[in-house]
Amino acid sequence: MESAAAGGEPDGVGTWEFEAEPWPYETGSWVFVTLPEDVDEEVRLRSGPRRGFGSVRVEVSCGSSTWSTSVFPSADGFVLPLKAAVRRAELLEVGSPARFTLRLL
């Protein structure tokens, strides 16, 4: 999984671009991407107080879709859930890399 940290925005919060492969959760109805290690580390360092389940609020873009959501901590690093509507709109498939832009809120 490749990533290229785009660095902080002028507001000092942070925005990153990365490529990741969607993967299905055990049941198959949920699909996620795992943040690359360098982006995961920056999110951990720059995020403020965590919300429920240790989540961090973010804004994400993929293709022409932009949405607000949360990333959640896991054993492999933060994971980003991909809504079915976004997967359909952007033709995202499990195992096929896609480019994302993530911004802390």
PDB file of N, CA and C in Angstrom:
ATOM      1  N   MET A   1       0.839  -1.159   0.000  1.00  0.00           N
ATOM      2  CA  MET A   1       0.000   0.000   0.000  1.00  0.00           C
ATOM      3  C   MET A   1       0.891   1.231   0.000  1.00  0.00           C
ATOM      4  N   GLU A   2       0.731   2.106  -1.005  1.00  0.00           N
ATOM      5  CA  GLU A   2       1.543   3.304  -1.125  1.00  0.00           C
ATOM      6  C   GLU A   2       0.839   4.488  -0.515  1.00  0.00           C
ATOM      7  N   SER A   3       1.612   5.453  -0.097  1.00  0.00           N
ATOM      8  CA  SER A   3       1.006   6.702   0.336  1.00  0.00           C
ATOM      9  C   SER A   3       1.984   7.827   0.103  1.00  0.00           C
ATOM     10  N   ALA A   4       1.426   8.998  -0.017  1.00  0.00           N
ATOM     11  CA  ALA A   4       2.239  10.196  -0.117  1.00  0.00           C
ATOM     12  C   ALA A   4       1.574  11.238   0.756  1.00  0.00           C
ATOM     13  N   ALA A   5       2.202  11.564   1.851  1.00  0.00           N
ATOM     14  CA  ALA A   5       1.618  12.564   2.736  1.00  0.00           C
ATOM     15  C   ALA A   5       1.690  13.914   2.047  1.00  0.00           C
ATOM     16  N   ALA A   6       0.556  14.574   1.935  1.00  0.00           N
ATOM     17  CA  ALA A   6       0.490  15.858   1.265  1.00  0.00           C
ATOM     18  C   ALA A   6       0.821  17.004   2.208  1.00  0.00           C
ATOM     19  N   GLY A   7       1.009  16.700   3.477  1.00  0.00           N
ATOM     20  CA  GLY A   7       1.385  17.713   4.440  1.00  0.00           C
ATOM     21  C   GLY A   7       0.199  18.446   5.005  1.00  0.00           C
ATOM     22  N   GLY A   8       0.472  19.290   5.951  1.00  0.00           N
ATOM     23  CA  GLY A   8      -0.591  20.005   6.640  1.00  0.00           C
ATOM     24  C   GLY A   8      -1.194  21.115   5.811  1.00  0.00           C
ATOM     25  N   GLU A   9      -2.452  21.382   6.041  1.00  0.00           N
ATOM     26  CA  GLU A   9      -3.146  22.513   5.434  1.00  0.00           C
ATOM     27  C   GLU A   9      -2.741  23.765   6.195  1.00  0.00           C
ATOM     28  N   PRO A  10      -3.036  24.948   5.640  1.00  0.00           N
ATOM     29  CA  PRO A  10      -2.722  26.175   6.371  1.00  0.00           C
ATOM     30  C   PRO A  10      -3.356  26.239   7.761  1.00  0.00           C
ATOM     31  N   ASP A  11      -4.490  25.535   7.957  1.00  0.00           N
ATOM     32  CA  ASP A  11      -5.128  25.551   9.272  1.00  0.00           C
ATOM     33  C   ASP A  11      -4.369  24.706  10.289  1.00  0.00           C
ATOM     34  N   GLY A  12      -3.324  24.010   9.842  1.00  0.00           N
ATOM     35  CA  GLY A  12      -2.491  23.227  10.735  1.00  0.00           C
ATOM     36  C   GLY A  12      -3.060  21.869  11.098  1.00  0.00           C
ATOM     37  N   VAL A  13      -4.222  21.530  10.586  1.00  0.00           N
ATOM     38  CA  VAL A  13      -4.846  20.257  10.947  1.00  0.00           C
ATOM     39  C   VAL A  13      -4.203  19.120  10.172  1.00  0.00           C
ATOM     40  N   GLY A  14      -4.334  19.098   8.871  1.00  0.00           N
ATOM     41  CA  GLY A  14      -3.659  18.091   8.072  1.00  0.00           C
ATOM     42  C   GLY A  14      -4.530  17.478   7.005  1.00  0.00           C
ATOM     43  N   THR A  15      -3.930  17.293   5.847  1.00  0.00           N
ATOM     44  CA  THR A  15      -4.565  16.646   4.709  1.00  0.00           C
ATOM     45  C   THR A  15      -3.536  15.721   4.081  1.00  0.00           C
ATOM     46  N   TRP A  16      -3.974  14.517   3.726  1.00  0.00           N
ATOM     47  CA  TRP A  16      -3.070  13.542   3.134  1.00  0.00           C
ATOM     48  C   TRP A  16      -3.723  12.866   1.948  1.00  0.00           C
ATOM     49  N   GLU A  17      -2.924  12.552   0.946  1.00  0.00           N
ATOM     50  CA  GLU A  17      -3.358  11.768  -0.201  1.00  0.00           C
ATOM     51  C   GLU A  17      -2.667  10.422  -0.116  1.00  0.00           C
ATOM     52  N   PHE A  18      -3.411   9.372  -0.457  1.00  0.00           N
ATOM     53  CA  PHE A  18      -2.823   8.040  -0.425  1.00  0.00           C
ATOM     54  C   PHE A  18      -3.604   7.106  -1.329  1.00  0.00           C
ATOM     55  N   GLU A  19      -2.992   6.004  -1.637  1.00  0.00           N
ATOM     56  CA  GLU A  19      -3.625   4.946  -2.415  1.00  0.00           C
ATOM     57  C   GLU A  19      -3.805   3.741  -1.503  1.00  0.00           C
ATOM     58  N   ALA A  20      -4.975   3.111  -1.590  1.00  0.00           N
ATOM     59  CA  ALA A  20      -5.243   1.950  -0.743  1.00  0.00           C
ATOM     60  C   ALA A  20      -6.235   1.027  -1.446  1.00  0.00           C
ATOM     61  N   GLU A  21      -6.203  -0.247  -1.063  1.00  0.00           N
ATOM     62  CA  GLU A  21      -7.113  -1.243  -1.617  1.00  0.00           C
ATOM     63  C   GLU A  21      -8.270  -1.502  -0.663  1.00  0.00           C
ATOM     64  N   PRO A  22      -9.506  -1.320  -1.128  1.00  0.00           N
ATOM     65  CA  PRO A  22     -10.652  -1.677  -0.297  1.00  0.00           C
ATOM     66  C   PRO A  22     -10.655  -3.161   0.045  1.00  0.00           C
ATOM     67  N   TRP A  23     -11.095  -3.480   1.252  1.00  0.00           N
ATOM     68  CA  TRP A  23     -11.186  -4.879   1.683  1.00  0.00           C
ATOM     69  C   TRP A  23     -12.501  -5.058   2.446  1.00  0.00           C
ATOM     70  N   PRO A  24     -13.085  -6.258   2.365  1.00  0.00           N
ATOM     71  CA  PRO A  24     -14.364  -6.504   3.039  1.00  0.00           C
ATOM     72  C   PRO A  24     -14.158  -6.898   4.496  1.00  0.00           C
ATOM     73  N   TYR A  25     -15.089  -6.470   5.344  1.00  0.00           N
ATOM     74  CA  TYR A  25     -15.107  -6.937   6.719  1.00  0.00           C
ATOM     75  C   TYR A  25     -15.587  -8.384   6.701  1.00  0.00           C
ATOM     76  N   GLU A  26     -15.435  -9.088   7.792  1.00  0.00           N
ATOM     77  CA  GLU A  26     -15.760 -10.518   7.874  1.00  0.00           C
ATOM     78  C   GLU A  26     -17.112 -10.879   7.278  1.00  0.00           C
ATOM     79  N   THR A  27     -18.132 -10.060   7.525  1.00  0.00           N
ATOM     80  CA  THR A  27     -19.471 -10.374   7.023  1.00  0.00           C
ATOM     81  C   THR A  27     -19.622 -10.069   5.548  1.00  0.00           C
ATOM     82  N   GLY A  28     -18.730  -9.239   5.005  1.00  0.00           N
ATOM     83  CA  GLY A  28     -18.790  -8.904   3.596  1.00  0.00           C
ATOM     84  C   GLY A  28     -19.683  -7.717   3.276  1.00  0.00           C
ATOM     85  N   SER A  29     -20.509  -7.260   4.220  1.00  0.00           N
ATOM     86  CA  SER A  29     -21.396  -6.141   3.917  1.00  0.00           C
ATOM     87  C   SER A  29     -20.711  -4.784   4.134  1.00  0.00           C
ATOM     88  N   TRP A  30     -19.668  -4.739   4.934  1.00  0.00           N
ATOM     89  CA  TRP A  30     -18.909  -3.520   5.169  1.00  0.00           C
ATOM     90  C   TRP A  30     -17.597  -3.595   4.406  1.00  0.00           C
ATOM     91  N   VAL A  31     -17.181  -2.467   3.858  1.00  0.00           N
ATOM     92  CA  VAL A  31     -15.916  -2.398   3.126  1.00  0.00           C
ATOM     93  C   VAL A  31     -15.102  -1.244   3.707  1.00  0.00           C
ATOM     94  N   PHE A  32     -13.813  -1.477   3.882  1.00  0.00           N
ATOM     95  CA  PHE A  32     -12.910  -0.504   4.496  1.00  0.00           C
ATOM     96  C   PHE A  32     -11.631  -0.380   3.672  1.00  0.00           C
ATOM     97  N   VAL A  33     -10.875   0.679   3.946  1.00  0.00           N
ATOM     98  CA  VAL A  33      -9.466   0.750   3.556  1.00  0.00           C
ATOM     99  C   VAL A  33      -8.692   1.035   4.836  1.00  0.00           C
ATOM    100  N   THR A  34      -7.507   0.491   4.916  1.00  0.00           N
ATOM    101  CA  THR A  34      -6.609   0.743   6.046  1.00  0.00           C
ATOM    102  C   THR A  34      -5.704   1.903   5.661  1.00  0.00           C
ATOM    103  N   LEU A  35      -5.599   2.894   6.547  1.00  0.00           N
ATOM    104  CA  LEU A  35      -4.719   4.016   6.255  1.00  0.00           C
ATOM    105  C   LEU A  35      -3.276   3.532   6.210  1.00  0.00           C
ATOM    106  N   PRO A  36      -2.495   4.022   5.268  1.00  0.00           N
ATOM    107  CA  PRO A  36      -1.075   3.671   5.231  1.00  0.00           C
ATOM    108  C   PRO A  36      -0.398   4.085   6.539  1.00  0.00           C
ATOM    109  N   GLU A  37       0.671   3.418   6.859  1.00  0.00           N
ATOM    110  CA  GLU A  37       1.351   3.612   8.137  1.00  0.00           C
ATOM    111  C   GLU A  37       1.726   5.067   8.397  1.00  0.00           C
ATOM    112  N   ASP A  38       2.253   5.764   7.388  1.00  0.00           N
ATOM    113  CA  ASP A  38       2.664   7.154   7.609  1.00  0.00           C
ATOM    114  C   ASP A  38       1.463   8.068   7.848  1.00  0.00           C
ATOM    115  N   VAL A  39       0.355   7.846   7.154  1.00  0.00           N
ATOM    116  CA  VAL A  39      -0.853   8.638   7.359  1.00  0.00           C
ATOM    117  C   VAL A  39      -1.461   8.299   8.722  1.00  0.00           C
ATOM    118  N   ASP A  40      -1.494   7.017   9.059  1.00  0.00           N
ATOM    119  CA  ASP A  40      -1.995   6.574  10.363  1.00  0.00           C
ATOM    120  C   ASP A  40      -1.245   7.286  11.492  1.00  0.00           C
ATOM    121  N   GLU A  41       0.066   7.323  11.372  1.00  0.00           N
ATOM    122  CA  GLU A  41       0.898   7.950  12.403  1.00  0.00           C
ATOM    123  C   GLU A  41       0.591   9.438  12.530  1.00  0.00           C
ATOM    124  N   GLU A  42       0.441  10.133  11.397  1.00  0.00           N
ATOM    125  CA  GLU A  42       0.125  11.563  11.424  1.00  0.00           C
ATOM    126  C   GLU A  42      -1.256  11.813  12.023  1.00  0.00           C
ATOM    127  N   VAL A  43      -2.241  10.973  11.685  1.00  0.00           N
ATOM    128  CA  VAL A  43      -3.584  11.121  12.249  1.00  0.00           C
ATOM    129  C   VAL A  43      -3.519  10.954  13.762  1.00  0.00           C
ATOM    130  N   ARG A  44      -2.775   9.964  14.233  1.00  0.00           N
ATOM    131  CA  ARG A  44      -2.636   9.751  15.679  1.00  0.00           C
ATOM    132  C   ARG A  44      -1.995  10.966  16.363  1.00  0.00           C
ATOM    133  N   LEU A  45      -0.994  11.556  15.717  1.00  0.00           N
ATOM    134  CA  LEU A  45      -0.281  12.692  16.298  1.00  0.00           C
ATOM    135  C   LEU A  45      -1.099  13.981  16.273  1.00  0.00           C
ATOM    136  N   ARG A  46      -1.848  14.209  15.200  1.00  0.00           N
ATOM    137  CA  ARG A  46      -2.511  15.492  15.000  1.00  0.00           C
ATOM    138  C   ARG A  46      -3.964  15.546  15.450  1.00  0.00           C
ATOM    139  N   SER A  47      -4.587  14.388  15.637  1.00  0.00           N
ATOM    140  CA  SER A  47      -6.011  14.415  16.005  1.00  0.00           C
ATOM    141  C   SER A  47      -6.163  14.857  17.448  1.00  0.00           C
ATOM    142  N   GLY A  48      -7.263  15.508  17.717  1.00  0.00           N
ATOM    143  CA  GLY A  48      -7.559  15.951  19.074  1.00  0.00           C
ATOM    144  C   GLY A  48      -8.154  14.802  19.862  1.00  0.00           C
ATOM    145  N   PRO A  49      -8.992  15.149  20.837  1.00  0.00           N
ATOM    146  CA  PRO A  49      -9.644  14.103  21.636  1.00  0.00           C
ATOM    147  C   PRO A  49     -10.452  13.164  20.740  1.00  0.00           C
ATOM    148  N   ARG A  50     -10.368  11.900  21.036  1.00  0.00           N
ATOM    149  CA  ARG A  50     -11.072  10.898  20.239  1.00  0.00           C
ATOM    150  C   ARG A  50     -12.531  10.836  20.634  1.00  0.00           C
ATOM    151  N   ARG A  51     -13.339  10.358  19.713  1.00  0.00           N
ATOM    152  CA  ARG A  51     -14.766  10.176  19.937  1.00  0.00           C
ATOM    153  C   ARG A  51     -15.024   8.721  20.304  1.00  0.00           C
ATOM    154  N   GLY A  52     -16.286   8.312  20.238  1.00  0.00           N
ATOM    155  CA  GLY A  52     -16.654   6.945  20.578  1.00  0.00           C
ATOM    156  C   GLY A  52     -15.853   5.903  19.823  1.00  0.00           C
ATOM    157  N   PHE A  53     -15.504   4.820  20.489  1.00  0.00           N
ATOM    158  CA  PHE A  53     -14.700   3.721  19.934  1.00  0.00           C
ATOM    159  C   PHE A  53     -13.317   4.189  19.485  1.00  0.00           C
ATOM    160  N   GLY A  54     -12.860   5.339  19.948  1.00  0.00           N
ATOM    161  CA  GLY A  54     -11.549   5.857  19.575  1.00  0.00           C
ATOM    162  C   GLY A  54     -11.511   6.473  18.196  1.00  0.00           C
ATOM    163  N   SER A  55     -12.684   6.821  17.645  1.00  0.00           N
ATOM    164  CA  SER A  55     -12.761   7.324  16.275  1.00  0.00           C
ATOM    165  C   SER A  55     -12.279   8.763  16.163  1.00  0.00           C
ATOM    166  N   VAL A  56     -11.907   9.129  14.936  1.00  0.00           N
ATOM    167  CA  VAL A  56     -11.443  10.477  14.612  1.00  0.00           C
ATOM    168  C   VAL A  56     -12.267  10.953  13.420  1.00  0.00           C
ATOM    169  N   ARG A  57     -12.864  12.151  13.521  1.00  0.00           N
ATOM    170  CA  ARG A  57     -13.672  12.715  12.433  1.00  0.00           C
ATOM    171  C   ARG A  57     -12.780  13.167  11.291  1.00  0.00           C
ATOM    172  N   VAL A  58     -13.193  12.844  10.056  1.00  0.00           N
ATOM    173  CA  VAL A  58     -12.433  13.194   8.869  1.00  0.00           C
ATOM    174  C   VAL A  58     -13.374  13.552   7.723  1.00  0.00           C
ATOM    175  N   GLU A  59     -12.808  14.210   6.726  1.00  0.00           N
ATOM    176  CA  GLU A  59     -13.480  14.415   5.449  1.00  0.00           C
ATOM    177  C   GLU A  59     -12.640  13.668   4.420  1.00  0.00           C
ATOM    178  N   VAL A  60     -13.304  12.944   3.548  1.00  0.00           N
ATOM    179  CA  VAL A  60     -12.600  12.094   2.588  1.00  0.00           C
ATOM    180  C   VAL A  60     -13.098  12.406   1.188  1.00  0.00           C
ATOM    181  N   SER A  61     -12.180  12.379   0.225  1.00  0.00           N
ATOM    182  CA  SER A  61     -12.537  12.494  -1.181  1.00  0.00           C
ATOM    183  C   SER A  61     -11.958  11.314  -1.935  1.00  0.00           C
ATOM    184  N   CYS A  62     -12.741  10.848  -2.889  1.00  0.00           N
ATOM    185  CA  CYS A  62     -12.291   9.801  -3.810  1.00  0.00           C
ATOM    186  C   CYS A  62     -13.003  10.105  -5.118  1.00  0.00           C
ATOM    187  N   GLY A  63     -12.233  10.360  -6.168  1.00  0.00           N
ATOM    188  CA  GLY A  63     -12.852  10.752  -7.424  1.00  0.00           C
ATOM    189  C   GLY A  63     -13.626  12.043  -7.220  1.00  0.00           C
ATOM    190  N   SER A  64     -14.884  12.059  -7.654  1.00  0.00           N
ATOM    191  CA  SER A  64     -15.715  13.259  -7.506  1.00  0.00           C
ATOM    192  C   SER A  64     -16.557  13.226  -6.231  1.00  0.00           C
ATOM    193  N   SER A  65     -16.405  12.211  -5.408  1.00  0.00           N
ATOM    194  CA  SER A  65     -17.179  12.076  -4.164  1.00  0.00           C
ATOM    195  C   SER A  65     -16.392  12.612  -2.969  1.00  0.00           C
ATOM    196  N   THR A  66     -17.075  13.384  -2.124  1.00  0.00           N
ATOM    197  CA  THR A  66     -16.501  13.884  -0.879  1.00  0.00           C
ATOM    198  C   THR A  66     -17.534  13.660   0.208  1.00  0.00           C
ATOM    199  N   TRP A  67     -17.101  13.135   1.356  1.00  0.00           N
ATOM    200  CA  TRP A  67     -18.031  12.862   2.451  1.00  0.00           C
ATOM    201  C   TRP A  67     -17.325  12.990   3.787  1.00  0.00           C
ATOM    202  N   SER A  68     -18.121  13.240   4.834  1.00  0.00           N
ATOM    203  CA  SER A  68     -17.617  13.287   6.204  1.00  0.00           C
ATOM    204  C   SER A  68     -17.903  11.951   6.861  1.00  0.00           C
ATOM    205  N   THR A  69     -16.931  11.466   7.611  1.00  0.00           N
ATOM    206  CA  THR A  69     -17.058  10.176   8.285  1.00  0.00           C
ATOM    207  C   THR A  69     -16.058  10.154   9.435  1.00  0.00           C
ATOM    208  N   SER A  70     -15.775   8.991   9.934  1.00  0.00           N
ATOM    209  CA  SER A  70     -14.754   8.805  10.969  1.00  0.00           C
ATOM    210  C   SER A  70     -13.846   7.663  10.559  1.00  0.00           C
ATOM    211  N   VAL A  71     -12.603   7.715  11.017  1.00  0.00           N
ATOM    212  CA  VAL A  71     -11.712   6.567  10.916  1.00  0.00           C
ATOM    213  C   VAL A  71     -11.668   5.935  12.295  1.00  0.00           C
ATOM    214  N   PHE A  72     -11.496   4.623  12.332  1.00  0.00           N
ATOM    215  CA  PHE A  72     -11.556   3.865  13.580  1.00  0.00           C
ATOM    216  C   PHE A  72     -10.255   3.107  13.796  1.00  0.00           C
ATOM    217  N   PRO A  73      -9.749   3.078  15.032  1.00  0.00           N
ATOM    218  CA  PRO A  73      -8.514   2.333  15.301  1.00  0.00           C
ATOM    219  C   PRO A  73      -8.759   0.828  15.190  1.00  0.00           C
ATOM    220  N   SER A  74      -7.766   0.138  14.677  1.00  0.00           N
ATOM    221  CA  SER A  74      -7.803  -1.327  14.610  1.00  0.00           C
ATOM    222  C   SER A  74      -6.393  -1.834  14.884  1.00  0.00           C
ATOM    223  N   ALA A  75      -6.237  -3.134  14.910  1.00  0.00           N
ATOM    224  CA  ALA A  75      -4.922  -3.731  15.166  1.00  0.00           C
ATOM    225  C   ALA A  75      -3.906  -3.359  14.089  1.00  0.00           C
ATOM    226  N   ASP A  76      -4.383  -3.100  12.862  1.00  0.00           N
ATOM    227  CA  ASP A  76      -3.491  -2.785  11.741  1.00  0.00           C
ATOM    228  C   ASP A  76      -3.382  -1.289  11.471  1.00  0.00           C
ATOM    229  N   GLY A  77      -3.979  -0.464  12.310  1.00  0.00           N
ATOM    230  CA  GLY A  77      -3.991   0.976  12.094  1.00  0.00           C
ATOM    231  C   GLY A  77      -5.413   1.457  11.856  1.00  0.00           C
ATOM    232  N   PHE A  78      -5.573   2.757  11.687  1.00  0.00           N
ATOM    233  CA  PHE A  78      -6.909   3.294  11.454  1.00  0.00           C
ATOM    234  C   PHE A  78      -7.504   2.730  10.172  1.00  0.00           C
ATOM    235  N   VAL A  79      -8.814   2.461  10.224  1.00  0.00           N
ATOM    236  CA  VAL A  79      -9.534   1.997   9.038  1.00  0.00           C
ATOM    237  C   VAL A  79     -10.620   3.004   8.699  1.00  0.00           C
ATOM    238  N   LEU A  80     -10.855   3.148   7.406  1.00  0.00           N
ATOM    239  CA  LEU A  80     -11.825   4.078   6.862  1.00  0.00           C
ATOM    240  C   LEU A  80     -12.959   3.289   6.233  1.00  0.00           C
ATOM    241  N   PRO A  81     -14.200   3.437   6.728  1.00  0.00           N
ATOM    242  CA  PRO A  81     -15.322   2.738   6.114  1.00  0.00           C
ATOM    243  C   PRO A  81     -15.711   3.413   4.800  1.00  0.00           C
ATOM    244  N   LEU A  82     -16.040   2.603   3.797  1.00  0.00           N
ATOM    245  CA  LEU A  82     -16.476   3.117   2.500  1.00  0.00           C
ATOM    246  C   LEU A  82     -17.955   2.820   2.305  1.00  0.00           C
ATOM    247  N   LYS A  83     -18.778   3.868   2.275  1.00  0.00           N
ATOM    248  CA  LYS A  83     -20.210   3.699   2.100  1.00  0.00           C
ATOM    249  C   LYS A  83     -20.511   3.087   0.742  1.00  0.00           C
ATOM    250  N   ALA A  84     -21.574   2.289   0.691  1.00  0.00           N
ATOM    251  CA  ALA A  84     -21.986   1.647  -0.556  1.00  0.00           C
ATOM    252  C   ALA A  84     -22.250   2.687  -1.644  1.00  0.00           C
ATOM    253  N   ALA A  85     -22.862   3.809  -1.294  1.00  0.00           N
ATOM    254  CA  ALA A  85     -23.164   4.844  -2.295  1.00  0.00           C
ATOM    255  C   ALA A  85     -21.878   5.382  -2.932  1.00  0.00           C
ATOM    256  N   VAL A  86     -20.838   5.564  -2.132  1.00  0.00           N
ATOM    257  CA  VAL A  86     -19.553   6.039  -2.655  1.00  0.00           C
ATOM    258  C   VAL A  86     -18.905   4.956  -3.508  1.00  0.00           C
ATOM    259  N   ARG A  87     -18.960   3.721  -3.043  1.00  0.00           N
ATOM    260  CA  ARG A  87     -18.367   2.619  -3.824  1.00  0.00           C
ATOM    261  C   ARG A  87     -19.026   2.522  -5.195  1.00  0.00           C
ATOM    262  N   ARG A  88     -20.356   2.661  -5.229  1.00  0.00           N
ATOM    263  CA  ARG A  88     -21.064   2.607  -6.521  1.00  0.00           C
ATOM    264  C   ARG A  88     -20.704   3.799  -7.393  1.00  0.00           C
ATOM    265  N   ALA A  89     -20.742   5.005  -6.817  1.00  0.00           N
ATOM    266  CA  ALA A  89     -20.481   6.228  -7.587  1.00  0.00           C
ATOM    267  C   ALA A  89     -19.072   6.249  -8.175  1.00  0.00           C
ATOM    268  N   GLU A  90     -18.105   5.728  -7.439  1.00  0.00           N
ATOM    269  CA  GLU A  90     -16.701   5.769  -7.871  1.00  0.00           C
ATOM    270  C   GLU A  90     -16.215   4.440  -8.443  1.00  0.00           C
ATOM    271  N   LEU A  91     -17.117   3.489  -8.577  1.00  0.00           N
ATOM    272  CA  LEU A  91     -16.783   2.159  -9.125  1.00  0.00           C
ATOM    273  C   LEU A  91     -15.644   1.501  -8.352  1.00  0.00           C
ATOM    274  N   LEU A  92     -15.677   1.636  -7.028  1.00  0.00           N
ATOM    275  CA  LEU A  92     -14.639   1.039  -6.179  1.00  0.00           C
ATOM    276  C   LEU A  92     -14.933  -0.441  -5.986  1.00  0.00           C
ATOM    277  N   GLU A  93     -13.916  -1.251  -6.161  1.00  0.00           N
ATOM    278  CA  GLU A  93     -14.051  -2.696  -5.986  1.00  0.00           C
ATOM    279  C   GLU A  93     -13.039  -3.198  -4.978  1.00  0.00           C
ATOM    280  N   VAL A  94     -13.435  -4.205  -4.231  1.00  0.00           N
ATOM    281  CA  VAL A  94     -12.539  -4.838  -3.273  1.00  0.00           C
ATOM    282  C   VAL A  94     -11.291  -5.319  -4.014  1.00  0.00           C
ATOM    283  N   GLY A  95     -10.119  -4.979  -3.469  1.00  0.00           N
ATOM    284  CA  GLY A  95      -8.854  -5.430  -4.032  1.00  0.00           C
ATOM    285  C   GLY A  95      -8.294  -4.558  -5.139  1.00  0.00           C
ATOM    286  N   SER A  96      -9.051  -3.570  -5.612  1.00  0.00           N
ATOM    287  CA  SER A  96      -8.569  -2.667  -6.662  1.00  0.00           C
ATOM    288  C   SER A  96      -8.164  -1.341  -6.034  1.00  0.00           C
ATOM    289  N   PRO A  97      -6.898  -0.966  -6.152  1.00  0.00           N
ATOM    290  CA  PRO A  97      -6.423   0.258  -5.509  1.00  0.00           C
ATOM    291  C   PRO A  97      -7.194   1.488  -5.974  1.00  0.00           C
ATOM    292  N   ALA A  98      -7.360   2.426  -5.060  1.00  0.00           N
ATOM    293  CA  ALA A  98      -8.010   3.702  -5.359  1.00  0.00           C
ATOM    294  C   ALA A  98      -7.256   4.800  -4.626  1.00  0.00           C
ATOM    295  N   ARG A  99      -7.384   6.023  -5.119  1.00  0.00           N
ATOM    296  CA  ARG A  99      -6.709   7.171  -4.506  1.00  0.00           C
ATOM    297  C   ARG A  99      -7.707   7.939  -3.652  1.00  0.00           C
ATOM    298  N   PHE A 100      -7.264   8.290  -2.436  1.00  0.00           N
ATOM    299  CA  PHE A 100      -8.100   8.993  -1.465  1.00  0.00           C
ATOM    300  C   PHE A 100      -7.373  10.238  -0.975  1.00  0.00           C
ATOM    301  N   THR A 101      -8.141  11.245  -0.604  1.00  0.00           N
ATOM    302  CA  THR A 101      -7.634  12.407   0.106  1.00  0.00           C
ATOM    303  C   THR A 101      -8.379  12.454   1.429  1.00  0.00           C
ATOM    304  N   LEU A 102      -7.652  12.539   2.524  1.00  0.00           N
ATOM    305  CA  LEU A 102      -8.229  12.522   3.858  1.00  0.00           C
ATOM    306  C   LEU A 102      -7.820  13.802   4.568  1.00  0.00           C
ATOM    307  N   ARG A 103      -8.808  14.460   5.194  1.00  0.00           N
ATOM    308  CA  ARG A 103      -8.540  15.690   5.950  1.00  0.00           C
ATOM    309  C   ARG A 103      -9.158  15.560   7.333  1.00  0.00           C
ATOM    310  N   LEU A 104      -8.381  15.871   8.352  1.00  0.00           N
ATOM    311  CA  LEU A 104      -8.912  15.875   9.715  1.00  0.00           C
ATOM    312  C   LEU A 104      -9.921  17.005   9.864  1.00  0.00           C
ATOM    313  N   LEU A 105     -10.986  16.727  10.591  1.00  0.00           N
ATOM    314  CA  LEU A 105     -11.999  17.767  10.891  1.00  0.00           C
ATOM    315  C   LEU A 105     -11.831  18.262  12.309  1.00  0.00           C
TER     316      LEU A 105
END
